[in-house]
Amino acid sequence: MTVAALKYHLYKPGGSKASTAILPVRVIGAERPVVEIDVAPGVRLRVTEGCDPSFVAALVSRLR
C-alpha cells in the first residue's frame, strides 16, 4: 500500500460524505516497507506493503 493509494480510498467518489482528514503518515525502513499511521494520541497503526488499501482506509476511519 502506498500513501497515494490510501488517499485515493479515503477520497474516492461515492464514499462517505463525512469530513475526512489525512493523518500524518511515515514510511519506515524494514524488510517489507511499512506505513505507520498515528490515528490518535497513543494509537499507532502499522501496515505492510501489499495490504489492501480499502481495508486500511476503512480501519483508519473507524478508529478515529
Protein backbone atom coordinates (compact mmCIF):
# COMPACT_ATOMS: atom_id res chain seq x y z
CA MET A 1 0.00 0.00 0.00
CA THR A 2 1.23 3.46 -0.79
CA VAL A 3 0.27 6.82 0.65
CA ALA A 4 -1.28 7.70 -2.72
CA ALA A 5 -3.45 4.55 -2.61
CA LEU A 6 -4.59 5.38 0.93
CA LYS A 7 -5.53 8.93 -0.11
CA TYR A 8 -7.46 7.60 -3.09
CA HIS A 9 -9.53 5.27 -0.92
CA LEU A 10 -10.21 7.99 1.64
CA TYR A 11 -11.49 10.40 -1.01
CA LYS A 12 -12.84 8.05 -3.69
CA PRO A 13 -16.11 9.02 -5.38
CA GLY A 14 -19.25 7.65 -3.78
CA GLY A 15 -17.60 7.35 -0.37
CA SER A 16 -18.88 8.75 2.87
CA LYS A 17 -19.72 12.45 2.82
CA ALA A 18 -18.32 12.77 6.36
CA SER A 19 -15.33 15.01 6.87
CA THR A 20 -12.09 13.19 6.09
CA ALA A 21 -8.69 14.40 7.23
CA ILE A 22 -5.37 12.93 6.17
CA LEU A 23 -3.35 11.78 9.13
CA PRO A 24 0.41 12.04 9.48
CA VAL A 25 1.96 9.02 7.75
CA ARG A 26 5.56 7.90 7.95
CA VAL A 27 7.14 5.12 5.88
CA ILE A 28 9.77 3.28 7.92
CA GLY A 29 12.54 1.00 6.68
CA ALA A 30 12.04 -2.74 7.04
CA GLU A 31 12.30 -5.96 5.06
CA ARG A 32 8.92 -5.05 3.62
CA PRO A 33 8.06 -1.35 3.60
CA VAL A 34 5.78 -0.40 6.47
CA VAL A 35 3.36 2.52 6.57
CA GLU A 36 2.86 3.88 10.07
CA ILE A 37 -0.32 5.86 10.78
CA ASP A 38 -0.85 7.80 14.02
CA VAL A 39 -4.62 7.52 14.46
CA ALA A 40 -4.88 9.27 17.83
CA PRO A 41 -2.54 10.11 20.69
CA GLY A 42 -1.04 6.77 21.74
CA VAL A 43 -2.72 4.81 18.92
CA ARG A 44 -0.47 3.80 16.02
CA LEU A 45 -1.40 1.50 13.13
CA ARG A 46 1.34 -0.21 11.12
CA VAL A 47 0.58 -1.93 7.83
CA THR A 48 2.96 -3.62 5.43
CA GLU A 49 3.27 -3.09 1.71
CA GLY A 50 0.65 -5.06 -0.15
CA CYS A 51 -2.08 -4.60 2.46
CA ASP A 52 -5.48 -3.84 0.88
CA PRO A 53 -5.79 -0.01 0.78
CA SER A 54 -9.58 -0.03 1.08
CA PHE A 55 -9.31 -2.16 4.25
CA VAL A 56 -6.74 0.24 5.75
CA ALA A 57 -8.86 3.30 4.87
CA ALA A 58 -11.94 1.70 6.45
CA LEU A 59 -9.96 0.72 9.55
CA VAL A 60 -8.50 4.21 9.99
CA SER A 61 -11.92 5.87 9.58
CA ARG A 62 -13.41 3.60 12.24
CA LEU A 63 -10.53 4.05 14.69
CA ARG A 64 -10.87 7.84 14.67
